[in-house]
C-alpha atoms as a PDB file:
ATOM      1  CA  MET A   1    -103.949 102.560  70.471  1.00  0.00           C
ATOM      2  CA  VAL A   2    -100.994 101.423  69.016  1.00  0.00           C
ATOM      3  CA  THR A   3     -98.152  99.488  70.437  1.00  0.00           C
ATOM      4  CA  ILE A   4     -94.935  99.736  68.345  1.00  0.00           C
ATOM      5  CA  VAL A   5     -92.330  96.184  68.984  1.00  0.00           C
ATOM      6  CA  ALA A   6     -88.796  96.003  67.731  1.00  0.00           C
ATOM      7  CA  ASP A   7     -85.737  94.211  68.377  1.00  0.00           C
ATOM      8  CA  THR A   8     -82.210  94.361  68.979  1.00  0.00           C
ATOM      9  CA  LEU A   9     -81.250  94.642  65.299  1.00  0.00           C
ATOM     10  CA  SER A  10     -83.018  98.059  65.326  1.00  0.00           C
ATOM     11  CA  THR A  11     -79.365  99.158  67.282  1.00  0.00           C
ATOM     12  CA  ILE A  12     -81.674 100.823  69.765  1.00  0.00           C
ATOM     13  CA  PRO A  13     -79.814 100.107  73.387  1.00  0.00           C
ATOM     14  CA  PRO A  14     -82.323  98.001  75.457  1.00  0.00           C
ATOM     15  CA  ASP A  15     -82.583 100.302  78.377  1.00  0.00           C
ATOM     16  CA  ASP A  16     -83.879 102.909  75.975  1.00  0.00           C
ATOM     17  CA  ALA A  17     -86.783 100.547  74.591  1.00  0.00           C
ATOM     18  CA  VAL A  18     -87.686 100.099  78.422  1.00  0.00           C
ATOM     19  CA  LYS A  19     -87.479 103.620  78.973  1.00  0.00           C
ATOM     20  CA  MET A  20     -89.776 104.379  76.074  1.00  0.00           C
ATOM     21  CA  GLY A  21     -92.056 101.128  76.915  1.00  0.00           C
ATOM     22  CA  ILE A  22     -91.113  99.740  73.660  1.00  0.00           C
ATOM     23  CA  PRO A  23     -91.614  95.897  74.096  1.00  0.00           C
ATOM     24  CA  TYR A  24     -88.366  94.950  72.773  1.00  0.00           C
ATOM     25  CA  VAL A  25     -87.358  91.125  71.312  1.00  0.00           C
ATOM     26  CA  PRO A  26     -83.598  90.234  71.415  1.00  0.00           C
ATOM     27  CA  GLN A  27     -81.737  88.130  68.823  1.00  0.00           C
ATOM     28  CA  ILE A  28     -80.104  84.703  69.311  1.00  0.00           C
ATOM     29  CA  ILE A  29     -76.344  84.243  69.167  1.00  0.00           C
ATOM     30  CA  ILE A  30     -74.853  80.526  69.410  1.00  0.00           C
ATOM     31  CA  PHE A  31     -71.115  79.498  69.981  1.00  0.00           C
ATOM     32  CA  GLY A  32     -70.722  75.675  70.023  1.00  0.00           C
ATOM     33  CA  ASN A  33     -73.354  74.569  72.431  1.00  0.00           C
ATOM     34  CA  ASP A  34     -73.984  78.074  74.018  1.00  0.00           C
ATOM     35  CA  SER A  35     -76.626  80.079  73.144  1.00  0.00           C
ATOM     36  CA  TYR A  36     -77.306  83.857  74.313  1.00  0.00           C
ATOM     37  CA  LYS A  37     -79.973  86.533  74.101  1.00  0.00           C
ATOM     38  CA  ASP A  38     -77.998  89.604  72.855  1.00  0.00           C
ATOM     39  CA  ASP A  39     -80.091  92.595  74.913  1.00  0.00           C
ATOM     40  CA  TYR A  40     -78.691  91.440  78.253  1.00  0.00           C
ATOM     41  CA  GLU A  41     -77.062  88.195  78.201  1.00  0.00           C
ATOM     42  CA  MET A  42     -74.299  89.533  75.494  1.00  0.00           C
ATOM     43  CA  ASP A  43     -73.641  92.712  74.617  1.00  0.00           C
ATOM     44  CA  SER A  44     -71.664  94.139  71.747  1.00  0.00           C
ATOM     45  CA  ALA A  45     -68.202  94.486  73.846  1.00  0.00           C
ATOM     46  CA  THR A  46     -68.524  90.680  75.167  1.00  0.00           C
ATOM     47  CA  PHE A  47     -69.422  89.585  71.333  1.00  0.00           C
ATOM     48  CA  ILE A  48     -65.971  91.030  69.758  1.00  0.00           C
ATOM     49  CA  GLN A  49     -63.785  89.755  72.497  1.00  0.00           C
ATOM     50  CA  ARG A  50     -65.327  86.405  72.214  1.00  0.00           C
ATOM     51  CA  LEU A  51     -65.092  86.371  68.174  1.00  0.00           C
ATOM     52  CA  ARG A  52     -61.703  86.967  68.095  1.00  0.00           C
ATOM     53  CA  ASN A  53     -60.604  84.364  70.424  1.00  0.00           C
ATOM     54  CA  SER A  54     -63.324  81.771  68.676  1.00  0.00           C
ATOM     55  CA  PRO A  55     -61.908  78.991  65.957  1.00  0.00           C
ATOM     56  CA  GLU A  56     -65.233  78.940  64.612  1.00  0.00           C
ATOM     57  CA  LEU A  57     -67.449  81.488  63.359  1.00  0.00           C
ATOM     58  CA  PRO A  58     -70.827  82.061  65.793  1.00  0.00           C
ATOM     59  CA  LYS A  59     -74.156  81.739  64.256  1.00  0.00           C
ATOM     60  CA  THR A  60     -77.056  83.528  64.598  1.00  0.00           C
ATOM     61  CA  ALA A  61     -81.042  82.617  65.025  1.00  0.00           C
ATOM     62  CA  ALA A  62     -84.037  85.262  64.626  1.00  0.00           C
ATOM     63  CA  PRO A  63     -86.036  85.563  68.072  1.00  0.00           C
ATOM     64  CA  PRO A  64     -88.340  82.154  68.037  1.00  0.00           C
ATOM     65  CA  PRO A  65     -92.124  83.395  68.055  1.00  0.00           C
ATOM     66  CA  ALA A  66     -92.782  82.108  71.596  1.00  0.00           C
ATOM     67  CA  LEU A  67     -90.635  85.218  72.274  1.00  0.00           C
ATOM     68  CA  TYR A  68     -93.715  87.340  70.387  1.00  0.00           C
ATOM     69  CA  THR A  69     -95.825  85.293  72.106  1.00  0.00           C
ATOM     70  CA  PRO A  70     -96.165  87.473  76.144  1.00  0.00           C
ATOM     71  CA  ILE A  71     -96.353  90.616  73.946  1.00  0.00           C
ATOM     72  CA  TYR A  72     -99.323  89.078  71.799  1.00  0.00           C
ATOM     73  CA  GLU A  73    -100.775  88.202  74.668  1.00  0.00           C
ATOM     74  CA  LYS A  74    -100.089  91.657  76.772  1.00  0.00           C
ATOM     75  CA  TYR A  75    -100.842  94.115  73.995  1.00  0.00           C
ATOM     76  CA  GLY A  76    -103.075  92.310  71.476  1.00  0.00           C
ATOM     77  CA  SER A  77    -106.274  92.654  72.991  1.00  0.00           C
ATOM     78  CA  ASN A  78    -108.883  95.382  73.772  1.00  0.00           C
ATOM     79  CA  SER A  79    -108.998  97.213  70.464  1.00  0.00           C
ATOM     80  CA  ASN A  80    -105.039  97.612  70.435  1.00  0.00           C
ATOM     81  CA  THR A  81    -103.256  97.596  67.232  1.00  0.00           C
ATOM     82  CA  VAL A  82     -99.599  95.743  67.542  1.00  0.00           C
ATOM     83  CA  VAL A  83     -97.280  96.723  64.611  1.00  0.00           C
ATOM     84  CA  VAL A  84     -93.996  94.866  65.016  1.00  0.00           C
ATOM     85  CA  LEU A  85     -91.257  96.708  62.776  1.00  0.00           C
ATOM     86  CA  ALA A  86     -89.135  93.864  61.577  1.00  0.00           C
ATOM     87  CA  PRO A  87     -85.625  93.852  59.887  1.00  0.00           C
ATOM     88  CA  SER A  88     -85.136  92.889  56.151  1.00  0.00           C
ATOM     89  CA  ALA A  89     -86.725  89.433  55.858  1.00  0.00           C
ATOM     90  CA  ASP A  90     -83.810  89.085  53.472  1.00  0.00           C
ATOM     91  CA  VAL A  91     -81.437  89.165  55.955  1.00  0.00           C
ATOM     92  CA  SER A  92     -83.279  88.142  59.399  1.00  0.00           C
ATOM     93  CA  GLY A  93     -85.661  85.400  60.085  1.00  0.00           C
ATOM     94  CA  THR A  94     -87.672  87.892  62.384  1.00  0.00           C
ATOM     95  CA  PHE A  95     -90.327  88.847  60.180  1.00  0.00           C
ATOM     96  CA  ARG A  96     -91.075  84.731  59.728  1.00  0.00           C
ATOM     97  CA  GLY A  97     -90.996  84.532  63.603  1.00  0.00           C
ATOM     98  CA  ALA A  98     -93.296  87.550  64.505  1.00  0.00           C
ATOM     99  CA  THR A  99     -95.405  86.283  61.548  1.00  0.00           C
ATOM    100  CA  VAL A 100     -95.618  82.191  62.956  1.00  0.00           C
ATOM    101  CA  GLY A 101     -96.076  83.761  66.420  1.00  0.00           C
ATOM    102  CA  ALA A 102     -99.241  85.941  65.288  1.00  0.00           C
ATOM    103  CA  GLU A 103    -100.642  83.249  64.042  1.00  0.00           C
ATOM    104  CA  ASP A 104    -101.811  81.834  67.429  1.00  0.00           C
ATOM    105  CA  PHE A 105    -104.008  85.362  68.275  1.00  0.00           C
ATOM    106  CA  PRO A 106    -105.816  85.091  65.181  1.00  0.00           C
ATOM    107  CA  ASP A 107    -108.793  88.058  66.877  1.00  0.00           C
ATOM    108  CA  ALA A 108    -105.866  90.347  67.571  1.00  0.00           C
ATOM    109  CA  ASP A 109    -105.022  93.479  65.376  1.00  0.00           C
ATOM    110  CA  ILE A 110    -101.223  92.348  64.756  1.00  0.00           C
ATOM    111  CA  ARG A 111     -99.544  93.931  62.107  1.00  0.00           C
ATOM    112  CA  ILE A 112     -95.801  92.820  60.918  1.00  0.00           C
ATOM    113  CA  ILE A 113     -93.970  95.000  58.823  1.00  0.00           C
ATOM    114  CA  ASP A 114     -91.052  94.262  56.852  1.00  0.00           C
ATOM    115  CA  THR A 115     -89.137  97.469  56.693  1.00  0.00           C
ATOM    116  CA  ARG A 116     -86.436  96.275  54.428  1.00  0.00           C
ATOM    117  CA  THR A 117     -83.363  97.146  56.510  1.00  0.00           C
ATOM    118  CA  VAL A 118     -81.204  96.663  59.449  1.00  0.00           C
ATOM    119  CA  GLY A 119     -78.660  98.459  62.017  1.00  0.00           C
ATOM    120  CA  SER A 120     -79.535 102.531  63.108  1.00  0.00           C
ATOM    121  CA  GLY A 121     -81.616 103.298  60.021  1.00  0.00           C
ATOM    122  CA  LEU A 122     -84.678 100.372  61.418  1.00  0.00           C
ATOM    123  CA  GLY A 123     -83.799 102.175  64.435  1.00  0.00           C
ATOM    124  CA  SER A 124     -84.871 105.834  62.984  1.00  0.00           C
ATOM    125  CA  ILE A 125     -87.862 104.190  62.017  1.00  0.00           C
ATOM    126  CA  VAL A 126     -88.802 102.963  65.099  1.00  0.00           C
ATOM    127  CA  LEU A 127     -88.023 106.297  67.073  1.00  0.00           C
ATOM    128  CA  LYS A 128     -90.358 107.985  64.116  1.00  0.00           C
ATOM    129  CA  ALA A 129     -92.668 105.301  64.491  1.00  0.00           C
ATOM    130  CA  TYR A 130     -92.713 105.653  68.272  1.00  0.00           C
ATOM    131  CA  GLU A 131     -92.996 109.745  67.946  1.00  0.00           C
ATOM    132  CA  TRP A 132     -96.350 109.556  66.005  1.00  0.00           C
ATOM    133  CA  ASN A 133     -97.633 106.762  67.906  1.00  0.00           C
ATOM    134  CA  LYS A 134     -97.345 109.700  71.287  1.00  0.00           C
ATOM    135  CA  GLN A 135     -98.825 112.181  68.829  1.00  0.00           C
ATOM    136  CA  GLY A 136    -102.060 109.737  68.590  1.00  0.00           C
ATOM    137  CA  MET A 137    -101.524 108.883  64.944  1.00  0.00           C
ATOM    138  CA  ASP A 138    -104.199 105.729  63.816  1.00  0.00           C
ATOM    139  CA  ALA A 139    -102.107 102.719  62.931  1.00  0.00           C
ATOM    140  CA  ASP A 140    -102.857 102.499  58.954  1.00  0.00           C
ATOM    141  CA  THR A 141    -101.436 105.982  58.795  1.00  0.00           C
ATOM    142  CA  LEU A 142     -98.760 105.449  60.899  1.00  0.00           C
ATOM    143  CA  ILE A 143     -97.531 101.653  58.935  1.00  0.00           C
ATOM    144  CA  GLU A 144     -98.035 104.047  55.612  1.00  0.00           C
ATOM    145  CA  LYS A 145     -95.792 106.585  56.605  1.00  0.00           C
ATOM    146  CA  VAL A 146     -93.508 103.867  57.727  1.00  0.00           C
ATOM    147  CA  LYS A 147     -93.500 102.078  54.773  1.00  0.00           C
ATOM    148  CA  GLU A 148     -93.037 105.377  52.638  1.00  0.00           C
ATOM    149  CA  MET A 149     -89.900 106.224  54.984  1.00  0.00           C
ATOM    150  CA  SER A 150     -88.215 102.917  54.769  1.00  0.00           C
ATOM    151  CA  ALA A 151     -88.547 102.944  50.917  1.00  0.00           C
ATOM    152  CA  ARG A 152     -86.255 106.317  51.305  1.00  0.00           C
ATOM    153  CA  GLN A 153     -83.181 104.723  53.289  1.00  0.00           C
ATOM    154  CA  ARG A 154     -79.966 104.032  52.595  1.00  0.00           C
ATOM    155  CA  VAL A 155     -76.513 101.928  53.952  1.00  0.00           C
ATOM    156  CA  TYR A 156     -73.445 102.739  53.077  1.00  0.00           C
ATOM    157  CA  PHE A 157     -70.799 101.194  55.091  1.00  0.00           C
ATOM    158  CA  VAL A 158     -67.138  99.799  55.467  1.00  0.00           C
ATOM    159  CA  VAL A 159     -65.720  96.753  56.238  1.00  0.00           C
ATOM    160  CA  ASP A 160     -61.983  95.362  57.893  1.00  0.00           C
ATOM    161  CA  THR A 161     -61.921  92.291  56.226  1.00  0.00           C
ATOM    162  CA  LEU A 162     -64.566  90.244  53.619  1.00  0.00           C
ATOM    163  CA  GLU A 163     -64.098  87.308  55.531  1.00  0.00           C
ATOM    164  CA  TYR A 164     -67.138  87.352  57.814  1.00  0.00           C
ATOM    165  CA  LEU A 165     -69.361  88.376  54.798  1.00  0.00           C
ATOM    166  CA  HIS A 166     -67.994  85.680  52.576  1.00  0.00           C
ATOM    167  CA  LYS A 167     -68.411  82.972  55.796  1.00  0.00           C
ATOM    168  CA  GLY A 168     -71.839  84.241  56.757  1.00  0.00           C
ATOM    169  CA  GLY A 169     -72.908  83.605  52.823  1.00  0.00           C
ATOM    170  CA  ARG A 170     -73.530  87.294  52.458  1.00  0.00           C
ATOM    171  CA  ILE A 171     -70.863  87.408  49.265  1.00  0.00           C
ATOM    172  CA  GLY A 172     -69.768  84.816  46.905  1.00  0.00           C
ATOM    173  CA  GLY A 173     -65.956  83.267  47.216  1.00  0.00           C
ATOM    174  CA  ALA A 174     -65.089  85.362  44.056  1.00  0.00           C
ATOM    175  CA  LYS A 175     -65.567  88.455  45.107  1.00  0.00           C
ATOM    176  CA  MET A 176     -63.837  87.577  48.412  1.00  0.00           C
ATOM    177  CA  LEU A 177     -60.918  86.279  46.738  1.00  0.00           C
ATOM    178  CA  MET A 178     -60.560  89.451  44.415  1.00  0.00           C
ATOM    179  CA  GLY A 179     -60.951  91.873  47.510  1.00  0.00           C
ATOM    180  CA  SER A 180     -57.838  90.152  49.312  1.00  0.00           C
ATOM    181  CA  LEU A 181     -55.805  89.504  46.223  1.00  0.00           C
ATOM    182  CA  LEU A 182     -56.054  93.245  45.378  1.00  0.00           C
ATOM    183  CA  GLN A 183     -56.053  94.416  49.215  1.00  0.00           C
ATOM    184  CA  VAL A 184     -58.960  96.760  48.834  1.00  0.00           C
ATOM    185  CA  LYS A 185     -61.386  98.509  51.264  1.00  0.00           C
ATOM    186  CA  PRO A 186     -64.884  97.913  49.446  1.00  0.00           C
ATOM    187  CA  ILE A 187     -67.683 100.342  50.055  1.00  0.00           C
ATOM    188  CA  LEU A 188     -71.346  98.007  50.294  1.00  0.00           C
ATOM    189  CA  GLN A 189     -74.349  99.132  50.405  1.00  0.00           C
ATOM    190  CA  LEU A 190     -78.005  97.741  52.124  1.00  0.00           C
ATOM    191  CA  GLN A 191     -80.007  98.039  49.205  1.00  0.00           C
ATOM    192  CA  ASP A 192     -83.712  96.655  49.262  1.00  0.00           C
ATOM    193  CA  GLY A 193     -82.554  94.486  51.889  1.00  0.00           C
ATOM    194  CA  HIS A 194     -79.624  92.918  50.306  1.00  0.00           C
ATOM    195  CA  ILE A 195     -75.787  93.775  50.323  1.00  0.00           C
ATOM    196  CA  GLU A 196     -74.439  95.150  47.397  1.00  0.00           C
ATOM    197  CA  PRO A 197     -70.788  96.170  46.349  1.00  0.00           C
ATOM    198  CA  VAL A 198     -70.227 100.138  45.183  1.00  0.00           C
ATOM    199  CA  GLU A 199     -66.766 100.743  44.821  1.00  0.00           C
ATOM    200  CA  ASN A 200     -63.210  99.947  46.184  1.00  0.00           C
ATOM    201  CA  GLN A 201     -60.714 102.124  47.438  1.00  0.00           C
ATOM    202  CA  ARG A 202     -57.185 101.190  48.072  1.00  0.00           C
ATOM    203  CA  THR A 203     -56.982 102.055  52.000  1.00  0.00           C
ATOM    204  CA  LYS A 204     -59.764 102.261  54.584  1.00  0.00           C
ATOM    205  CA  ARG A 205     -59.469 105.950  55.471  1.00  0.00           C
ATOM    206  CA  ARG A 206     -59.749 106.993  51.839  1.00  0.00           C
ATOM    207  CA  ALA A 207     -63.339 104.300  51.938  1.00  0.00           C
ATOM    208  CA  LEU A 208     -64.602 106.724  54.725  1.00  0.00           C
ATOM    209  CA  ALA A 209     -63.963 109.646  53.215  1.00  0.00           C
ATOM    210  CA  ARG A 210     -65.714 108.410  50.039  1.00  0.00           C
ATOM    211  CA  LEU A 211     -68.609 107.270  51.920  1.00  0.00           C
ATOM    212  CA  LYS A 212     -68.475 110.820  53.272  1.00  0.00           C
ATOM    213  CA  GLU A 213     -68.815 112.311  50.164  1.00  0.00           C
ATOM    214  CA  MET A 214     -71.522 109.905  49.163  1.00  0.00           C
ATOM    215  CA  VAL A 215     -73.769 110.419  51.868  1.00  0.00           C
ATOM    216  CA  GLN A 216     -73.499 114.204  51.203  1.00  0.00           C
ATOM    217  CA  SER A 217     -73.975 114.059  47.795  1.00  0.00           C
ATOM    218  CA  GLU A 218     -77.402 111.680  48.548  1.00  0.00           C
ATOM    219  CA  TYR A 219     -78.354 113.422  51.602  1.00  0.00           C
ATOM    220  CA  PRO A 220     -81.949 115.725  50.955  1.00  0.00           C
ATOM    221  CA  LYS A 221     -81.446 119.649  51.211  1.00  0.00           C
ATOM    222  CA  ASN A 222     -84.213 119.987  53.875  1.00  0.00           C
ATOM    223  CA  GLY A 223     -82.450 118.399  56.476  1.00  0.00           C
ATOM    224  CA  ASN A 224     -84.525 115.618  57.333  1.00  0.00           C
ATOM    225  CA  GLY A 225     -82.280 112.921  56.456  1.00  0.00           C
ATOM    226  CA  PHE A 226     -81.514 111.506  59.860  1.00  0.00           C
ATOM    227  CA  LEU A 227     -78.454 110.390  59.507  1.00  0.00           C
ATOM    228  CA  THR A 228     -76.717 108.082  62.023  1.00  0.00           C
ATOM    229  CA  ILE A 229     -73.900 106.413  62.093  1.00  0.00           C
ATOM    230  CA  MET A 230     -72.957 102.497  63.332  1.00  0.00           C
ATOM    231  CA  HIS A 231     -69.920 100.739  63.763  1.00  0.00           C
ATOM    232  CA  GLY A 232     -68.400  97.706  65.379  1.00  0.00           C
ATOM    233  CA  ASP A 233     -65.366  98.186  67.684  1.00  0.00           C
ATOM    234  CA  ALA A 234     -64.453 101.023  65.653  1.00  0.00           C
ATOM    235  CA  LEU A 235     -65.288 104.286  67.865  1.00  0.00           C
ATOM    236  CA  ALA A 236     -62.500 106.038  66.754  1.00  0.00           C
ATOM    237  CA  GLU A 237     -63.069 105.998  63.393  1.00  0.00           C
ATOM    238  CA  ALA A 238     -66.978 106.437  64.168  1.00  0.00           C
ATOM    239  CA  GLU A 239     -66.478 109.760  65.936  1.00  0.00           C
ATOM    240  CA  ALA A 240     -63.765 110.960  63.291  1.00  0.00           C
ATOM    241  CA  LEU A 241     -66.669 110.146  60.490  1.00  0.00           C
ATOM    242  CA  ALA A 242     -69.012 112.304  62.668  1.00  0.00           C
ATOM    243  CA  ASP A 243     -66.268 114.899  63.254  1.00  0.00           C
ATOM    244  CA  ASP A 244     -65.994 115.063  59.227  1.00  0.00           C
ATOM    245  CA  PHE A 245     -69.789 115.464  58.899  1.00  0.00           C
ATOM    246  CA  VAL A 246     -70.125 118.387  61.530  1.00  0.00           C
ATOM    247  CA  ALA A 247     -67.261 120.194  59.656  1.00  0.00           C
ATOM    248  CA  SER A 248     -69.185 120.055  56.252  1.00  0.00           C
ATOM    249  CA  GLY A 249     -72.074 121.481  58.332  1.00  0.00           C
ATOM    250  CA  PHE A 250     -74.118 118.525  59.509  1.00  0.00           C
ATOM    251  CA  THR A 251     -75.887 118.375  62.741  1.00  0.00           C
ATOM    252  CA  ARG A 252     -73.676 115.654  64.575  1.00  0.00           C
ATOM    253  CA  PRO A 253     -74.902 112.763  63.751  1.00  0.00           C
ATOM    254  CA  GLN A 254     -75.804 109.999  66.698  1.00  0.00           C
ATOM    255  CA  ILE A 255     -73.233 106.714  67.126  1.00  0.00           C
ATOM    256  CA  PHE A 256     -74.647 103.946  67.631  1.00  0.00           C
ATOM    257  CA  ASN A 257     -72.721 100.393  68.803  1.00  0.00           C
ATOM    258  CA  LEU A 258     -73.967  97.660  65.798  1.00  0.00           C
ATOM    259  CA  PRO A 259     -75.267  94.144  67.928  1.00  0.00           C
ATOM    260  CA  PRO A 260     -73.703  91.006  67.688  1.00  0.00           C
ATOM    261  CA  ALA A 261     -76.206  89.295  65.221  1.00  0.00           C
ATOM    262  CA  ILE A 262     -75.250  91.989  62.698  1.00  0.00           C
ATOM    263  CA  LEU A 263     -71.333  92.085  63.589  1.00  0.00           C
ATOM    264  CA  VAL A 264     -71.269  87.969  62.605  1.00  0.00           C
ATOM    265  CA  HIS A 265     -71.445  89.031  59.262  1.00  0.00           C
ATOM    266  CA  VAL A 266     -69.513  92.098  58.818  1.00  0.00           C
ATOM    267  CA  GLY A 267     -66.735  91.673  61.611  1.00  0.00           C
ATOM    268  CA  PRO A 268     -65.104  94.169  64.061  1.00  0.00           C
ATOM    269  CA  GLY A 269     -64.075  97.248  62.694  1.00  0.00           C
ATOM    270  CA  VAL A 270     -67.160  98.015  60.579  1.00  0.00           C
ATOM    271  CA  VAL A 271     -68.400 101.616  60.601  1.00  0.00           C
ATOM    272  CA  ALA A 272     -71.427 102.471  58.803  1.00  0.00           C
ATOM    273  CA  ALA A 273     -73.639 105.498  57.552  1.00  0.00           C
ATOM    274  CA  SER A 274     -77.363 105.434  57.438  1.00  0.00           C
ATOM    275  CA  PHE A 275     -79.928 108.176  56.453  1.00  0.00           C
ATOM    276  CA  PHE A 276     -82.924 108.624  54.449  1.00  0.00           C
ATOM    277  CA  ILE A 277     -83.409 110.305  50.732  1.00  0.00           C
END
């Protein structure tokens, strides 16, 4: 038997994870002296409202090992295999927290996988792993398929401002200054766990149109690309992008709210597309 474990960086709504029986771990959001778990203590809308009114950028913390302890205690026995599908270790300490937590259970079969991604792409991996598990797939095969799927993942995104990426240490000051001076809207990608620039456009509308073109050019012809859209306080733009994909012959992609722990770094107004080649 296999138990799939995920966290809020997968963008799967917490209530959906509960319904599927997926043990779900929150990220930690810190405003000054106050900390919140981003599953039920602070949702995306509440976070964005507080972010806009906060004089300082909030901080994030990965789930501490103690949050994994009750999951390992419950599922790490009786020949059960626990498979933790963690976000990229390059952008989150979740992988490390899950690994340290597993050290207290040396006799349990606990496997922590660095999926090299975050967001709805990670969510798609979690949902496919859940499906494979329901089909009775053994742990070794399931993990092999997860790793293969992870290697094919792509994320392109457009932000309203580079300010948050700069403050969070995700881009350097030179890129931040150049983007501000030129007043461009950059298209960025998450590549092997790192944020990299792709190209610049003069307006956000043109950037989103170009993002759609890039996805179309790379999307697999077999239709198994699992296209999803993510946003932070930009539902109208996300829905318009989904409409554009439908008009181009795609099945309407599901739209996800980005969780607070991602919004800290990309800011309100972000729109992203995730898929697998």
